[in-house]
Structures are given as C-alpha cells and as structure tokens.
C-alpha cells in the first residue's frame, strides 16, 4: 500500500518500525475496523489533544510530505479515524486504566 518509507517519529523504543504498531482499547472502537485512504473533510482526534482537528491540518503539522499524504492508510471504525498509520492513534482509542480488552494492530511495508 505504501511504496515509500514512512517518515514517522520513532516511538518510545526508538524504532520507526514500532510506529507501524498500535495498541488500542478494543471496546472504545465501536465496531468493525476498515482501512482506507484519506477523504475530503476527514477529522481526527490525535492522542494527547483535547479535541478533533482536520486530518489535513494534522498532516501538515506532522510535516508529512504532500506527495505521501494520500498513500498513508487510515484505520477507521464507526466512531471515526482510529489510527493514522505510522503517526498517531486517536485519543479516544488509547489504553487506559479502565481498558478491559486490548487490540494490537501491526502494519508491514510491502515489497
């Protein structure tokens, strides 16, 4: 799906590969997951932020190159964008003390 390497910020273990893995609160997802590219008007509530923002603004602030933005997969649920793969999960999908079930997702580069 992604034909160029992601320029993700390294996660706590320091590797860019760990940015292709997400740990989510399963019960917060609200149903089945799917993967799609971005669409006009998408909104995203990034981890650590108080409210949702335009996905376009998130991508600009994350310094994602314009030519790469349409290639980044989005994991979505009925609640909205769960994960901008390689960059950040949604704040509402994070693991908390009240999390009963976790979901681990991992993407790998093709080719």
N, C-alpha and C. Protein backbone atom coordinates (compact mmCIF):
# COMPACT_ATOMS: atom_id res chain seq x y z
N UNK A 1 0.81 -1.18 0.00
CA UNK A 1 0.00 0.00 0.00
C UNK A 1 0.87 1.26 0.00
N UNK A 2 1.92 1.26 0.80
CA UNK A 2 2.82 2.42 0.86
C UNK A 2 4.07 2.05 0.08
N UNK A 3 4.37 2.82 -0.97
CA UNK A 3 5.52 2.46 -1.78
C UNK A 3 6.78 3.23 -1.40
N UNK A 4 6.67 4.14 -0.45
CA UNK A 4 7.84 4.86 0.06
C UNK A 4 7.89 4.69 1.56
N UNK A 5 9.06 4.74 2.16
CA UNK A 5 9.14 4.58 3.61
C UNK A 5 8.38 5.69 4.33
N UNK A 6 7.73 5.33 5.42
CA UNK A 6 7.08 6.34 6.25
C UNK A 6 8.12 7.15 6.99
N UNK A 7 7.87 8.41 7.12
CA UNK A 7 8.76 9.26 7.89
C UNK A 7 8.11 9.51 9.24
N UNK A 8 7.88 8.44 9.95
CA UNK A 8 7.22 8.54 11.24
C UNK A 8 8.21 8.92 12.33
N UNK A 9 7.69 9.56 13.35
CA UNK A 9 8.51 9.81 14.52
C UNK A 9 8.71 8.50 15.23
N UNK A 10 9.90 8.24 15.72
CA UNK A 10 10.11 7.00 16.45
C UNK A 10 9.26 6.93 17.71
N UNK A 11 8.80 5.75 18.02
CA UNK A 11 8.03 5.51 19.23
C UNK A 11 8.98 5.35 20.41
N UNK A 12 8.46 5.10 21.61
CA UNK A 12 9.32 5.04 22.80
C UNK A 12 10.52 4.10 22.69
N UNK A 13 10.41 3.01 21.93
CA UNK A 13 11.57 2.12 21.84
C UNK A 13 12.58 2.63 20.82
N UNK A 14 12.26 3.75 20.15
CA UNK A 14 13.23 4.39 19.27
C UNK A 14 13.23 3.93 17.84
N UNK A 15 12.41 2.96 17.47
CA UNK A 15 12.45 2.47 16.09
C UNK A 15 11.28 3.01 15.28
N UNK A 16 11.52 3.29 14.02
CA UNK A 16 10.43 3.71 13.13
C UNK A 16 9.47 2.57 12.90
N UNK A 17 9.95 1.32 12.96
CA UNK A 17 9.07 0.16 12.76
C UNK A 17 8.00 0.11 13.84
N UNK A 18 8.32 0.51 15.08
CA UNK A 18 7.31 0.47 16.13
C UNK A 18 6.19 1.47 15.87
N UNK A 19 6.42 2.45 15.01
CA UNK A 19 5.37 3.39 14.62
C UNK A 19 4.33 2.71 13.74
N UNK A 20 4.64 1.51 13.25
CA UNK A 20 3.69 0.76 12.44
C UNK A 20 2.91 -0.24 13.28
N UNK A 21 2.89 -0.03 14.59
CA UNK A 21 2.15 -0.88 15.51
C UNK A 21 1.34 0.01 16.43
N UNK A 22 0.10 -0.40 16.69
CA UNK A 22 -0.77 0.37 17.57
C UNK A 22 -1.42 -0.55 18.58
N UNK A 23 -1.55 -0.05 19.80
CA UNK A 23 -2.25 -0.76 20.88
C UNK A 23 -3.46 0.08 21.24
N UNK A 24 -4.64 -0.53 21.13
CA UNK A 24 -5.89 0.21 21.26
C UNK A 24 -6.80 -0.41 22.30
N UNK A 25 -7.72 0.41 22.82
CA UNK A 25 -8.78 -0.07 23.69
C UNK A 25 -9.87 -0.65 22.79
N UNK A 26 -9.98 -1.96 22.78
CA UNK A 26 -10.89 -2.66 21.88
C UNK A 26 -12.33 -2.18 22.03
N UNK A 27 -12.78 -2.02 23.26
CA UNK A 27 -14.18 -1.67 23.50
C UNK A 27 -14.53 -0.24 23.11
N UNK A 28 -13.54 0.61 22.93
CA UNK A 28 -13.81 2.00 22.54
C UNK A 28 -14.04 2.15 21.04
N UNK A 29 -13.72 1.12 20.26
CA UNK A 29 -13.74 1.23 18.81
C UNK A 29 -15.14 1.31 18.22
N UNK A 30 -16.10 0.71 18.87
CA UNK A 30 -17.48 0.84 18.41
C UNK A 30 -17.86 -0.02 17.23
N UNK A 31 -17.13 -1.06 16.94
CA UNK A 31 -17.50 -1.95 15.84
C UNK A 31 -16.32 -2.32 14.98
N UNK A 32 -16.62 -2.80 13.79
CA UNK A 32 -15.60 -3.29 12.88
C UNK A 32 -14.66 -2.21 12.38
N UNK A 33 -13.46 -2.63 12.03
CA UNK A 33 -12.44 -1.73 11.51
C UNK A 33 -12.30 -1.93 10.01
N UNK A 34 -11.89 -0.88 9.35
CA UNK A 34 -11.55 -0.95 7.93
C UNK A 34 -10.35 -0.04 7.69
N UNK A 35 -9.74 -0.19 6.53
CA UNK A 35 -8.58 0.61 6.15
C UNK A 35 -8.93 1.34 4.86
N UNK A 36 -8.62 2.62 4.83
CA UNK A 36 -8.91 3.43 3.64
C UNK A 36 -7.93 4.59 3.56
N UNK A 37 -7.88 5.24 2.40
CA UNK A 37 -7.07 6.46 2.29
C UNK A 37 -7.86 7.65 2.85
N UNK A 38 -7.23 8.78 2.95
CA UNK A 38 -7.93 9.97 3.44
C UNK A 38 -8.99 10.43 2.44
N UNK A 39 -9.93 11.18 2.96
CA UNK A 39 -11.01 11.72 2.14
C UNK A 39 -11.23 13.18 2.53
N UNK A 40 -11.75 13.99 1.61
CA UNK A 40 -12.01 15.39 1.94
C UNK A 40 -12.92 15.49 3.17
N UNK A 41 -12.58 16.40 4.06
CA UNK A 41 -13.40 16.64 5.24
C UNK A 41 -13.12 15.73 6.43
N UNK A 42 -12.16 14.80 6.29
CA UNK A 42 -11.82 13.91 7.40
C UNK A 42 -11.41 14.72 8.61
N UNK A 43 -11.84 14.23 9.78
CA UNK A 43 -11.43 14.82 11.05
C UNK A 43 -10.81 13.71 11.89
N UNK A 44 -9.87 14.10 12.76
CA UNK A 44 -9.11 13.15 13.55
C UNK A 44 -8.86 13.75 14.92
N UNK A 45 -9.00 12.94 15.97
CA UNK A 45 -8.75 13.39 17.34
C UNK A 45 -7.43 12.76 17.80
N UNK A 46 -6.29 13.41 17.52
CA UNK A 46 -4.98 12.83 17.82
C UNK A 46 -4.75 12.62 19.32
N UNK A 47 -4.03 11.57 19.63
CA UNK A 47 -3.65 11.27 21.01
C UNK A 47 -3.00 12.48 21.65
N UNK A 48 -3.48 12.83 22.84
CA UNK A 48 -2.91 13.95 23.59
C UNK A 48 -3.55 15.29 23.32
N UNK A 49 -4.48 15.34 22.38
CA UNK A 49 -5.14 16.61 22.08
C UNK A 49 -6.54 16.63 22.69
N UNK A 50 -7.01 17.82 23.02
CA UNK A 50 -8.31 17.97 23.69
C UNK A 50 -9.49 17.72 22.77
N UNK A 51 -9.30 17.96 21.48
CA UNK A 51 -10.42 17.81 20.56
C UNK A 51 -9.94 17.42 19.17
N UNK A 52 -10.91 17.09 18.32
CA UNK A 52 -10.60 16.69 16.96
C UNK A 52 -10.15 17.90 16.14
N UNK A 53 -9.42 17.59 15.07
CA UNK A 53 -9.00 18.63 14.13
C UNK A 53 -9.09 18.06 12.73
N UNK A 54 -8.97 18.90 11.73
CA UNK A 54 -8.98 18.42 10.36
C UNK A 54 -7.76 17.53 10.14
N UNK A 55 -7.99 16.40 9.48
CA UNK A 55 -6.87 15.50 9.19
C UNK A 55 -5.80 16.22 8.39
N UNK A 56 -6.21 17.06 7.46
CA UNK A 56 -5.27 17.84 6.66
C UNK A 56 -4.35 18.66 7.56
N UNK A 57 -4.92 19.32 8.57
CA UNK A 57 -4.12 20.13 9.49
C UNK A 57 -3.16 19.25 10.29
N UNK A 58 -3.64 18.08 10.73
CA UNK A 58 -2.76 17.16 11.46
C UNK A 58 -1.57 16.78 10.59
N UNK A 59 -1.82 16.45 9.32
CA UNK A 59 -0.75 16.01 8.43
C UNK A 59 0.25 17.13 8.16
N UNK A 60 -0.23 18.34 8.01
CA UNK A 60 0.67 19.49 7.82
C UNK A 60 1.52 19.70 9.07
N UNK A 61 0.89 19.68 10.24
CA UNK A 61 1.62 19.88 11.50
C UNK A 61 2.62 18.76 11.77
N UNK A 62 2.30 17.54 11.31
CA UNK A 62 3.21 16.41 11.48
C UNK A 62 4.31 16.40 10.42
N UNK A 63 4.28 17.38 9.53
CA UNK A 63 5.29 17.53 8.47
C UNK A 63 5.33 16.31 7.53
N UNK A 64 4.14 15.77 7.25
CA UNK A 64 4.03 14.67 6.30
C UNK A 64 4.10 15.28 4.91
N UNK A 65 5.04 14.84 4.08
CA UNK A 65 5.16 15.42 2.74
C UNK A 65 3.85 15.30 1.95
N UNK A 66 3.52 16.35 1.23
CA UNK A 66 2.27 16.40 0.48
C UNK A 66 2.08 15.18 -0.43
N UNK A 67 3.15 14.77 -1.10
CA UNK A 67 3.05 13.63 -2.01
C UNK A 67 2.82 12.29 -1.34
N UNK A 68 3.02 12.23 -0.05
CA UNK A 68 2.86 10.99 0.70
C UNK A 68 1.49 10.89 1.38
N UNK A 69 0.82 12.00 1.57
CA UNK A 69 -0.42 12.03 2.37
C UNK A 69 -1.51 11.10 1.87
N UNK A 70 -1.69 10.98 0.57
CA UNK A 70 -2.74 10.10 0.04
C UNK A 70 -2.35 8.63 0.11
N UNK A 71 -1.11 8.33 0.41
CA UNK A 71 -0.65 6.94 0.49
C UNK A 71 -0.70 6.38 1.90
N UNK A 72 -0.91 7.22 2.89
CA UNK A 72 -0.91 6.76 4.28
C UNK A 72 -2.26 6.12 4.60
N UNK A 73 -2.25 4.86 5.02
CA UNK A 73 -3.52 4.21 5.35
C UNK A 73 -4.10 4.76 6.65
N UNK A 74 -5.41 4.81 6.67
CA UNK A 74 -6.14 5.20 7.87
C UNK A 74 -6.95 4.00 8.33
N UNK A 75 -6.83 3.66 9.60
CA UNK A 75 -7.68 2.63 10.19
C UNK A 75 -8.88 3.36 10.77
N UNK A 76 -10.08 2.96 10.34
CA UNK A 76 -11.29 3.65 10.78
C UNK A 76 -12.28 2.66 11.39
N UNK A 77 -13.10 3.19 12.29
CA UNK A 77 -14.19 2.44 12.89
C UNK A 77 -15.45 3.29 12.74
N UNK A 78 -16.58 2.80 13.19
CA UNK A 78 -17.78 3.64 13.13
C UNK A 78 -17.64 4.95 13.90
N UNK A 79 -16.73 5.01 14.86
CA UNK A 79 -16.50 6.24 15.64
C UNK A 79 -15.64 7.25 14.90
N UNK A 80 -14.90 6.82 13.90
CA UNK A 80 -14.03 7.74 13.18
C UNK A 80 -12.65 7.15 12.94
N UNK A 81 -11.70 8.03 12.65
CA UNK A 81 -10.33 7.59 12.39
C UNK A 81 -9.70 7.14 13.70
N UNK A 82 -9.27 5.88 13.71
CA UNK A 82 -8.67 5.27 14.89
C UNK A 82 -7.16 5.48 14.89
N UNK A 83 -6.55 5.37 13.68
CA UNK A 83 -5.09 5.40 13.60
C UNK A 83 -4.66 5.94 12.25
N UNK A 84 -3.82 6.95 12.25
CA UNK A 84 -3.12 7.39 11.05
C UNK A 84 -1.83 6.58 11.09
N UNK A 85 -1.79 5.54 10.28
CA UNK A 85 -0.72 4.54 10.38
C UNK A 85 0.65 5.19 10.24
N UNK A 86 1.49 4.87 11.20
CA UNK A 86 2.85 5.41 11.21
C UNK A 86 2.99 6.71 11.95
N UNK A 87 1.86 7.29 12.40
CA UNK A 87 1.94 8.59 13.04
C UNK A 87 1.29 8.64 14.42
N UNK A 88 -0.03 8.45 14.51
CA UNK A 88 -0.67 8.58 15.82
C UNK A 88 -2.02 7.89 15.84
N UNK A 89 -2.40 7.42 17.04
CA UNK A 89 -3.74 6.86 17.23
C UNK A 89 -4.66 7.98 17.72
N UNK A 90 -5.96 7.68 17.73
CA UNK A 90 -6.94 8.62 18.26
C UNK A 90 -6.91 8.61 19.78
N UNK A 91 -7.11 9.77 20.36
CA UNK A 91 -7.09 9.89 21.81
C UNK A 91 -8.15 9.00 22.45
N UNK A 92 -9.32 8.92 21.84
CA UNK A 92 -10.42 8.14 22.42
C UNK A 92 -10.19 6.63 22.32
N UNK A 93 -9.19 6.19 21.56
CA UNK A 93 -8.90 4.76 21.40
C UNK A 93 -7.72 4.30 22.24
N UNK A 94 -7.16 5.18 23.06
CA UNK A 94 -5.97 4.84 23.84
C UNK A 94 -6.29 3.86 24.97
N UNK A 95 -5.26 3.16 25.40
CA UNK A 95 -5.35 2.25 26.54
C UNK A 95 -5.41 3.09 27.82
N UNK A 96 -6.35 2.78 28.70
CA UNK A 96 -6.47 3.48 29.98
C UNK A 96 -6.56 2.46 31.11
N UNK A 97 -6.66 2.95 32.33
CA UNK A 97 -6.83 2.06 33.49
C UNK A 97 -8.14 1.28 33.41
N UNK A 98 -9.11 1.81 32.67
CA UNK A 98 -10.42 1.15 32.56
C UNK A 98 -10.49 0.18 31.38
N UNK A 99 -9.43 0.07 30.61
CA UNK A 99 -9.41 -0.82 29.45
C UNK A 99 -9.53 -2.27 29.91
N UNK A 100 -10.53 -2.97 29.38
CA UNK A 100 -10.73 -4.38 29.71
C UNK A 100 -10.10 -5.28 28.65
N UNK A 101 -10.19 -4.85 27.38
CA UNK A 101 -9.65 -5.65 26.28
C UNK A 101 -8.82 -4.75 25.36
N UNK A 102 -7.67 -5.28 24.95
CA UNK A 102 -6.78 -4.52 24.08
C UNK A 102 -6.75 -5.15 22.69
N UNK A 103 -6.49 -4.32 21.71
CA UNK A 103 -6.30 -4.78 20.34
C UNK A 103 -4.95 -4.26 19.87
N UNK A 104 -4.13 -5.16 19.33
CA UNK A 104 -2.85 -4.77 18.77
C UNK A 104 -2.95 -4.88 17.25
N UNK A 105 -2.63 -3.80 16.56
CA UNK A 105 -2.61 -3.79 15.10
C UNK A 105 -1.17 -3.56 14.65
N UNK A 106 -0.80 -4.22 13.57
CA UNK A 106 0.55 -4.05 13.04
C UNK A 106 0.47 -4.00 11.51
N UNK A 107 1.08 -2.98 10.95
CA UNK A 107 1.22 -2.88 9.50
C UNK A 107 2.64 -3.21 9.15
N UNK A 108 2.83 -3.78 7.98
CA UNK A 108 4.19 -4.01 7.49
C UNK A 108 4.28 -3.43 6.09
N UNK A 109 5.46 -3.01 5.75
CA UNK A 109 5.69 -2.45 4.41
C UNK A 109 5.70 -3.57 3.39
N UNK A 110 5.09 -3.33 2.27
CA UNK A 110 5.10 -4.33 1.21
C UNK A 110 6.34 -4.11 0.34
N UNK A 111 6.73 -5.18 -0.33
CA UNK A 111 7.86 -5.06 -1.25
C UNK A 111 9.10 -5.21 -0.53
